[in-house]
Amino acid sequence: MSAPPAILVFGALMSVIALVGSVTLVLREATLFRILPMLVAFASGSLIRSTFFLMIPASIKHADNT
């Protein structure tokens, strides 16, 4: 897949993922409490991924330059 179609596909995918928050506004309370742990786990996993794949290598690279 070349770059422009990939950008469009993954941009659309990220938009769909971002809409999860607005979907929670129309859910019944029982349904929301059932899926809330999965949403929190997804958010936590995103933060941990960001730490391990972005911040730690950047800090190691910065430490090597000093």
Protein backbone atom coordinates (compact mmCIF):
# COMPACT_ATOMS: atom_id res chain seq x y z
CA MET A 1 0.00 0.00 0.00
CA SER A 2 1.49 3.34 -0.98
CA ALA A 3 1.66 6.26 1.42
CA PRO A 4 -1.41 8.40 0.46
CA PRO A 5 -3.97 5.54 0.69
CA ALA A 6 -2.37 4.32 3.92
CA ILE A 7 -2.63 7.81 5.40
CA LEU A 8 -6.30 7.98 4.49
CA VAL A 9 -7.09 4.49 5.79
CA PHE A 10 -5.29 4.88 9.10
CA GLY A 11 -6.58 8.43 9.54
CA ALA A 12 -10.13 7.16 9.13
CA LEU A 13 -9.42 4.32 11.55
CA MET A 14 -8.14 6.75 14.18
CA SER A 15 -11.25 8.91 13.69
CA VAL A 16 -13.48 5.91 14.33
CA ILE A 17 -11.53 5.07 17.48
CA ALA A 18 -11.84 8.68 18.64
CA LEU A 19 -15.63 8.48 18.29
CA VAL A 20 -15.81 5.83 21.02
CA GLY A 21 -16.09 8.62 23.59
CA SER A 22 -19.16 10.10 21.94
CA VAL A 23 -20.82 6.69 21.70
CA THR A 24 -20.64 6.34 25.48
CA LEU A 25 -22.98 9.32 25.84
CA VAL A 26 -25.91 7.42 24.31
CA LEU A 27 -25.38 4.06 26.06
CA ARG A 28 -27.53 2.85 28.89
CA GLU A 29 -25.87 2.98 32.29
CA ALA A 30 -25.73 -0.82 32.65
CA THR A 31 -24.05 -1.20 29.25
CA LEU A 32 -21.62 1.58 30.02
CA PHE A 33 -20.55 0.00 33.30
CA ARG A 34 -20.05 -3.32 31.49
CA ILE A 35 -17.69 -1.88 28.83
CA LEU A 36 -16.00 0.75 31.01
CA PRO A 37 -13.20 -1.59 32.20
CA MET A 38 -12.33 -2.39 28.56
CA LEU A 39 -12.19 1.31 27.68
CA VAL A 40 -9.95 2.05 30.66
CA ALA A 41 -7.69 -0.86 29.70
CA PHE A 42 -7.46 0.47 26.14
CA ALA A 43 -6.51 3.93 27.41
CA SER A 44 -3.94 2.49 29.81
CA GLY A 45 -2.43 0.33 27.09
CA SER A 46 -2.13 3.36 24.82
CA LEU A 47 -0.23 5.28 27.49
CA ILE A 48 2.08 2.35 28.25
CA ARG A 49 2.76 1.84 24.52
CA SER A 50 3.60 5.49 24.21
CA THR A 51 6.05 5.21 27.07
CA PHE A 52 7.87 2.14 25.84
CA PHE A 53 7.94 2.82 22.12
CA LEU A 54 8.35 6.61 22.04
CA MET A 55 9.60 8.16 25.26
CA ILE A 56 12.15 5.64 26.49
CA PRO A 57 14.06 5.39 23.16
CA ALA A 58 14.01 9.19 22.86
CA SER A 59 15.40 9.60 26.37
CA ILE A 60 18.14 7.03 25.68
CA LYS A 61 19.08 8.85 22.49
CA HIS A 62 19.12 12.15 24.35
CA ALA A 63 21.24 10.66 27.16
CA ASP A 64 23.79 9.38 24.62
CA ASN A 65 24.18 12.87 23.15
CA THR A 66 25.15 14.49 26.45
